[in-house]
C-alpha atoms as a PDB file:
ATOM      1  CA  MET A   1     115.026 123.077  73.340  1.00  0.00           C
ATOM      2  CA  GLU A   2     117.256 120.022  73.934  1.00  0.00           C
ATOM      3  CA  PHE A   3     118.391 121.458  77.473  1.00  0.00           C
ATOM      4  CA  ILE A   4     114.697 121.659  78.784  1.00  0.00           C
ATOM      5  CA  ARG A   5     113.885 118.305  77.271  1.00  0.00           C
ATOM      6  CA  HIS A   6     117.057 116.539  78.856  1.00  0.00           C
ATOM      7  CA  ILE A   7     115.984 118.093  82.233  1.00  0.00           C
ATOM      8  CA  ASP A   8     112.238 117.057  81.897  1.00  0.00           C
ATOM      9  CA  MET A   9     113.524 113.488  81.153  1.00  0.00           C
ATOM     10  CA  ILE A  10     115.928 113.339  84.199  1.00  0.00           C
ATOM     11  CA  LYS A  11     113.047 114.766  86.410  1.00  0.00           C
ATOM     12  CA  GLU A  12     110.743 112.142  85.218  1.00  0.00           C
ATOM     13  CA  ASP A  13     113.013 109.152  85.164  1.00  0.00           C
ATOM     14  CA  PHE A  14     114.364 109.848  88.708  1.00  0.00           C
ATOM     15  CA  GLU A  15     111.130 111.332  90.111  1.00  0.00           C
ATOM     16  CA  LEU A  16     112.969 114.323  91.181  1.00  0.00           C
ATOM     17  CA  PRO A  17     111.161 117.139  93.212  1.00  0.00           C
ATOM     18  CA  GLU A  18     111.084 120.492  91.471  1.00  0.00           C
ATOM     19  CA  ARG A  19     113.050 121.971  94.415  1.00  0.00           C
ATOM     20  CA  LEU A  20     116.118 119.554  93.638  1.00  0.00           C
ATOM     21  CA  VAL A  21     115.820 120.352  89.873  1.00  0.00           C
ATOM     22  CA  THR A  22     115.871 123.929  90.367  1.00  0.00           C
ATOM     23  CA  ALA A  23     118.854 123.831  92.875  1.00  0.00           C
ATOM     24  CA  LYS A  24     120.923 121.977  90.162  1.00  0.00           C
ATOM     25  CA  LEU A  25     120.525 124.945  87.513  1.00  0.00           C
ATOM     26  CA  ASN A  26     123.234 126.672  89.499  1.00  0.00           C
ATOM     27  CA  THR A  27     125.738 123.857  88.624  1.00  0.00           C
ATOM     28  CA  LEU A  28     124.367 123.013  85.219  1.00  0.00           C
ATOM     29  CA  LEU A  29     124.519 126.514  83.616  1.00  0.00           C
ATOM     30  CA  THR A  30     127.857 127.859  82.783  1.00  0.00           C
ATOM     31  CA  LYS A  31     129.341 131.066  81.502  1.00  0.00           C
ATOM     32  CA  SER A  32     126.755 133.711  80.520  1.00  0.00           C
ATOM     33  CA  ALA A  33     123.882 131.486  81.120  1.00  0.00           C
ATOM     34  CA  HIS A  34     124.998 131.095  84.851  1.00  0.00           C
ATOM     35  CA  ARG A  35     125.399 134.798  85.184  1.00  0.00           C
ATOM     36  CA  TRP A  36     121.980 135.307  83.808  1.00  0.00           C
ATOM     37  CA  TYR A  37     120.733 132.712  86.239  1.00  0.00           C
ATOM     38  CA  ILE A  38     122.181 134.240  89.236  1.00  0.00           C
ATOM     39  CA  LYS A  39     120.746 137.758  88.363  1.00  0.00           C
ATOM     40  CA  LEU A  40     117.296 136.324  87.941  1.00  0.00           C
ATOM     41  CA  ARG A  41     117.451 134.032  91.155  1.00  0.00           C
ATOM     42  CA  GLN A  42     118.741 137.157  93.116  1.00  0.00           C
ATOM     43  CA  ALA A  43     115.743 139.208  91.747  1.00  0.00           C
ATOM     44  CA  HIS A  44     112.974 136.705  92.062  1.00  0.00           C
ATOM     45  CA  GLY A  45     114.147 134.270  94.694  1.00  0.00           C
ATOM     46  CA  HIS A  46     113.234 130.421  94.546  1.00  0.00           C
ATOM     47  CA  GLN A  47     110.743 129.722  91.653  1.00  0.00           C
ATOM     48  CA  SER A  48     109.374 126.396  90.310  1.00  0.00           C
ATOM     49  CA  TRP A  49     110.811 124.491  87.279  1.00  0.00           C
ATOM     50  CA  THR A  50     107.955 125.581  85.276  1.00  0.00           C
ATOM     51  CA  TRP A  51     108.516 129.202  85.740  1.00  0.00           C
ATOM     52  CA  TRP A  52     112.589 128.530  85.013  1.00  0.00           C
ATOM     53  CA  LYS A  53     111.516 126.683  81.804  1.00  0.00           C
ATOM     54  CA  THR A  54     109.506 129.784  80.734  1.00  0.00           C
ATOM     55  CA  GLN A  55     112.375 132.267  81.352  1.00  0.00           C
ATOM     56  CA  ILE A  56     114.823 129.902  79.466  1.00  0.00           C
ATOM     57  CA  ILE A  57     112.556 129.722  76.523  1.00  0.00           C
ATOM     58  CA  ASN A  58     112.099 133.612  76.548  1.00  0.00           C
ATOM     59  CA  LYS A  59     115.666 134.133  77.065  1.00  0.00           C
ATOM     60  CA  TRP A  60     117.113 131.799  74.335  1.00  0.00           C
ATOM     61  CA  ALA A  61     114.433 130.641  71.955  1.00  0.00           C
ATOM     62  CA  ASN A  62     113.971 134.032  70.293  1.00  0.00           C
ATOM     63  CA  ASP A  63     114.320 135.166  66.567  1.00  0.00           C
ATOM     64  CA  SER A  64     118.051 135.881  66.693  1.00  0.00           C
ATOM     65  CA  TRP A  65     118.884 132.658  68.347  1.00  0.00           C
ATOM     66  CA  ARG A  66     116.826 130.913  65.782  1.00  0.00           C
ATOM     67  CA  PHE A  67     118.732 133.028  63.027  1.00  0.00           C
ATOM     68  CA  LYS A  68     121.934 131.833  64.521  1.00  0.00           C
ATOM     69  CA  VAL A  69     120.974 128.265  64.646  1.00  0.00           C
ATOM     70  CA  LYS A  70     119.526 128.210  61.108  1.00  0.00           C
ATOM     71  CA  THR A  71     122.721 129.985  59.695  1.00  0.00           C
ATOM     72  CA  ALA A  72     124.857 127.694  61.415  1.00  0.00           C
ATOM     73  CA  PHE A  73     122.979 124.773  59.824  1.00  0.00           C
ATOM     74  CA  GLU A  74     123.007 126.141  56.569  1.00  0.00           C
ATOM     75  CA  SER A  75     126.640 127.081  56.327  1.00  0.00           C
ATOM     76  CA  ALA A  76     127.988 123.538  57.576  1.00  0.00           C
ATOM     77  CA  LYS A  77     128.453 121.729  54.609  1.00  0.00           C
ATOM     78  CA  PHE A  78     129.773 118.261  54.795  1.00  0.00           C
ATOM     79  CA  ASN A  79     133.422 117.665  53.842  1.00  0.00           C
ATOM     80  CA  SER A  80     134.715 114.377  54.298  1.00  0.00           C
ATOM     81  CA  ASP A  81     138.280 115.751  54.775  1.00  0.00           C
ATOM     82  CA  LYS A  82     137.431 117.921  57.702  1.00  0.00           C
ATOM     83  CA  ASP A  83     134.360 116.467  59.333  1.00  0.00           C
ATOM     84  CA  LYS A  84     133.396 112.992  60.434  1.00  0.00           C
ATOM     85  CA  ALA A  85     130.081 111.458  59.565  1.00  0.00           C
ATOM     86  CA  LEU A  86     128.846 111.029  63.145  1.00  0.00           C
ATOM     87  CA  PRO A  87     129.557 114.364  64.970  1.00  0.00           C
ATOM     88  CA  TRP A  88     128.598 116.251  61.980  1.00  0.00           C
ATOM     89  CA  PHE A  89     125.276 114.366  61.512  1.00  0.00           C
ATOM     90  CA  CYS A  90     124.451 114.723  65.192  1.00  0.00           C
ATOM     91  CA  LYS A  91     125.039 118.518  65.236  1.00  0.00           C
ATOM     92  CA  GLN A  92     122.936 119.053  62.217  1.00  0.00           C
ATOM     93  CA  ARG A  93     120.252 116.755  63.722  1.00  0.00           C
ATOM     94  CA  ASP A  94     120.367 118.819  67.020  1.00  0.00           C
ATOM     95  CA  ARG A  95     120.318 122.024  65.310  1.00  0.00           C
ATOM     96  CA  LEU A  96     117.159 121.112  63.176  1.00  0.00           C
ATOM     97  CA  THR A  97     115.279 119.583  66.114  1.00  0.00           C
ATOM     98  CA  ALA A  98     115.985 122.506  68.051  1.00  0.00           C
ATOM     99  CA  LEU A  99     114.507 124.736  65.267  1.00  0.00           C
ATOM    100  CA  TYR A 100     111.576 122.497  64.313  1.00  0.00           C
ATOM    101  CA  PRO A 101     110.653 120.113  66.984  1.00  0.00           C
ATOM    102  CA  GLU A 102     107.500 119.000  65.233  1.00  0.00           C
ATOM    103  CA  MET A 103     109.673 117.669  62.142  1.00  0.00           C
ATOM    104  CA  SER A 104     109.751 114.294  61.412  1.00  0.00           C
ATOM    105  CA  GLY A 105     112.816 112.031  61.340  1.00  0.00           C
ATOM    106  CA  PHE A 106     112.542 111.286  57.682  1.00  0.00           C
ATOM    107  CA  MET A 107     112.422 115.067  57.160  1.00  0.00           C
ATOM    108  CA  ILE A 108     115.354 115.816  59.287  1.00  0.00           C
ATOM    109  CA  HIS A 109     117.445 113.186  57.429  1.00  0.00           C
ATOM    110  CA  ARG A 110     116.340 114.549  54.041  1.00  0.00           C
ATOM    111  CA  LYS A 111     117.265 118.027  55.118  1.00  0.00           C
ATOM    112  CA  ILE A 112     120.592 117.096  56.540  1.00  0.00           C
ATOM    113  CA  LEU A 113     121.368 115.214  53.238  1.00  0.00           C
ATOM    114  CA  ARG A 114     120.942 118.277  51.195  1.00  0.00           C
ATOM    115  CA  GLN A 115     123.672 119.626  53.238  1.00  0.00           C
ATOM    116  CA  CYS A 116     126.078 116.856  51.909  1.00  0.00           C
ATOM    117  CA  GLY A 117     126.164 118.022  48.049  1.00  0.00           C
ATOM    118  CA  GLY A 118     124.936 116.418  45.019  1.00  0.00           C
ATOM    119  CA  GLY A 119     127.020 113.558  44.432  1.00  0.00           C
ATOM    120  CA  LEU A 120     127.160 112.432  48.205  1.00  0.00           C
ATOM    121  CA  GLU A 121     123.278 113.187  48.535  1.00  0.00           C
ATOM    122  CA  HIS A 122     122.436 110.899  45.552  1.00  0.00           C
ATOM    123  CA  SER A 123     124.755 108.277  46.669  1.00  0.00           C
ATOM    124  CA  VAL A 124     123.478 107.930  50.113  1.00  0.00           C
ATOM    125  CA  LYS A 125     119.585 108.188  48.909  1.00  0.00           C
ATOM    126  CA  SER A 126     120.385 105.542  46.457  1.00  0.00           C
ATOM    127  CA  ARG A 127     121.352 103.142  49.299  1.00  0.00           C
ATOM    128  CA  THR A 128     118.679 103.910  51.681  1.00  0.00           C
ATOM    129  CA  THR A 129     115.059 102.822  51.789  1.00  0.00           C
ATOM    130  CA  GLU A 130     112.053 104.851  53.173  1.00  0.00           C
ATOM    131  CA  GLN A 131     112.088 102.893  56.456  1.00  0.00           C
ATOM    132  CA  TYR A 132     115.888 103.299  57.517  1.00  0.00           C
ATOM    133  CA  SER A 133     116.976 104.453  61.097  1.00  0.00           C
ATOM    134  CA  GLU A 134     119.389 107.281  62.109  1.00  0.00           C
ATOM    135  CA  LYS A 135     122.283 104.583  62.680  1.00  0.00           C
ATOM    136  CA  ASP A 136     121.639 103.173  58.955  1.00  0.00           C
ATOM    137  CA  MET A 137     122.051 106.756  57.541  1.00  0.00           C
ATOM    138  CA  ILE A 138     125.075 107.421  59.525  1.00  0.00           C
ATOM    139  CA  ASN A 139     126.999 104.201  58.607  1.00  0.00           C
ATOM    140  CA  ILE A 140     125.807 104.702  54.933  1.00  0.00           C
ATOM    141  CA  LEU A 141     127.384 108.278  54.864  1.00  0.00           C
ATOM    142  CA  GLU A 142     130.514 107.122  56.622  1.00  0.00           C
ATOM    143  CA  GLU A 143     130.718 104.209  54.076  1.00  0.00           C
ATOM    144  CA  VAL A 144     130.188 106.291  51.184  1.00  0.00           C
ATOM    145  CA  THR A 145     132.652 108.925  51.932  1.00  0.00           C
ATOM    146  CA  THR A 146     135.384 106.324  52.912  1.00  0.00           C
ATOM    147  CA  ARG A 147     135.087 104.312  49.926  1.00  0.00           C
ATOM    148  CA  THR A 148     134.294 106.979  47.118  1.00  0.00           C
ATOM    149  CA  LYS A 149     135.885 109.951  48.601  1.00  0.00           C
ATOM    150  CA  ILE A 150     133.016 112.015  47.437  1.00  0.00           C
ATOM    151  CA  CYS A 151     132.801 115.524  49.217  1.00  0.00           C
ATOM    152  CA  SER A 152     136.759 115.556  49.828  1.00  0.00           C
ATOM    153  CA  SER A 153     138.697 118.564  48.868  1.00  0.00           C
ATOM    154  CA  ARG A 154     139.745 118.604  45.368  1.00  0.00           C
ATOM    155  CA  VAL A 155     142.685 120.555  43.809  1.00  0.00           C
ATOM    156  CA  ASN A 156     140.866 123.353  41.916  1.00  0.00           C
ATOM    157  CA  LEU A 157     142.751 124.065  38.357  1.00  0.00           C
ATOM    158  CA  LYS A 158     143.187 127.734  38.001  1.00  0.00           C
ATOM    159  CA  THR A 159     142.050 128.916  34.745  1.00  0.00           C
ATOM    160  CA  ASN A 160     141.846 132.498  33.649  1.00  0.00           C
ATOM    161  CA  PHE A 161     138.654 132.905  31.934  1.00  0.00           C
ATOM    162  CA  ASN A 162     139.421 136.695  31.261  1.00  0.00           C
ATOM    163  CA  THR A 163     141.829 136.164  28.430  1.00  0.00           C
ATOM    164  CA  PRO A 164     140.530 135.289  24.808  1.00  0.00           C
ATOM    165  CA  TRP A 165     141.000 131.812  23.790  1.00  0.00           C
ATOM    166  CA  LYS A 166     143.711 131.511  21.037  1.00  0.00           C
ATOM    167  CA  ASP A 167     143.665 128.876  18.462  1.00  0.00           C
ATOM    168  CA  SER A 168     146.732 127.960  16.805  1.00  0.00           C
ATOM    169  CA  ALA A 169     144.904 126.975  13.618  1.00  0.00           C
ATOM    170  CA  ASP A 170     143.882 130.325  13.176  1.00  0.00           C
ATOM    171  CA  LYS A 171     147.258 131.718  12.754  1.00  0.00           C
ATOM    172  CA  ASN A 172     149.134 130.707   9.718  1.00  0.00           C
ATOM    173  CA  PRO A 173     152.760 131.625  10.180  1.00  0.00           C
ATOM    174  CA  LYS A 174     153.728 132.116   6.580  1.00  0.00           C
ATOM    175  CA  GLY A 175     150.516 133.084   5.174  1.00  0.00           C
ATOM    176  CA  ASN A 176     150.385 129.983   3.074  1.00  0.00           C
ATOM    177  CA  SER A 177     147.002 128.408   3.075  1.00  0.00           C
ATOM    178  CA  ASN A 178     148.380 125.193   1.821  1.00  0.00           C
ATOM    179  CA  ASN A 179     150.841 124.945   4.796  1.00  0.00           C
ATOM    180  CA  LEU A 180     149.716 122.381   7.131  1.00  0.00           C
ATOM    181  CA  LYS A 181     152.415 122.968  10.001  1.00  0.00           C
ATOM    182  CA  PHE A 182     151.444 124.880  12.906  1.00  0.00           C
ATOM    183  CA  LYS A 183     153.666 126.571  15.488  1.00  0.00           C
ATOM    184  CA  SER A 184     154.113 123.193  17.235  1.00  0.00           C
ATOM    185  CA  SER A 185     156.182 120.467  15.502  1.00  0.00           C
ATOM    186  CA  TYR A 186     152.991 118.503  14.710  1.00  0.00           C
ATOM    187  CA  THR A 187     152.151 117.781  11.298  1.00  0.00           C
ATOM    188  CA  ILE A 188     148.814 116.480   9.622  1.00  0.00           C
ATOM    189  CA  ARG A 189     149.521 113.275   7.844  1.00  0.00           C
ATOM    190  CA  LYS A 190     147.767 112.114   4.815  1.00  0.00           C
ATOM    191  CA  CYS A 191     146.087 108.804   4.832  1.00  0.00           C
ATOM    192  CA  HIS A 192     147.301 106.653   1.910  1.00  0.00           C
ATOM    193  CA  ILE A 193     144.526 104.037   1.481  1.00  0.00           C
END
């Protein structure tokens, strides 16, 4: 989980003692996570950071949490009218790395591209190589969406497919097969060559 990796990184970078890290959990956790922390802290007293990591993983890295994150990833399709490329891409990347921490960057980028739709996915893939960075990917995504307007909302034409199609050529108003006039004022002209 990103939160645990972040805390581990800060602990390592600043060489913080575990006692200080666990003391900061009270201010780092908010809302329901804070209430959960207070109850657990009162029940078990002061514990090490390793113990708290295990408790956090047991609480939030369960099947229902994974299902929520996976559903959120799959339902978040890119729309250039609603979404900005950078925040949308970063949120999708964070969801995938939370679900699959061992997944390579290349595979994460490919999975995110599939959420863009056929035209945009193809346009971005054709502009990238095998060795590209995340920054390049986001820049290409922004460039393609601003220049081509792929993945923008389009007006849908309303068509009623339930009614049968009527061909005006099938109807002969006067019953005369030689009559070339249709209901409209158009006529078929003969070519005199």
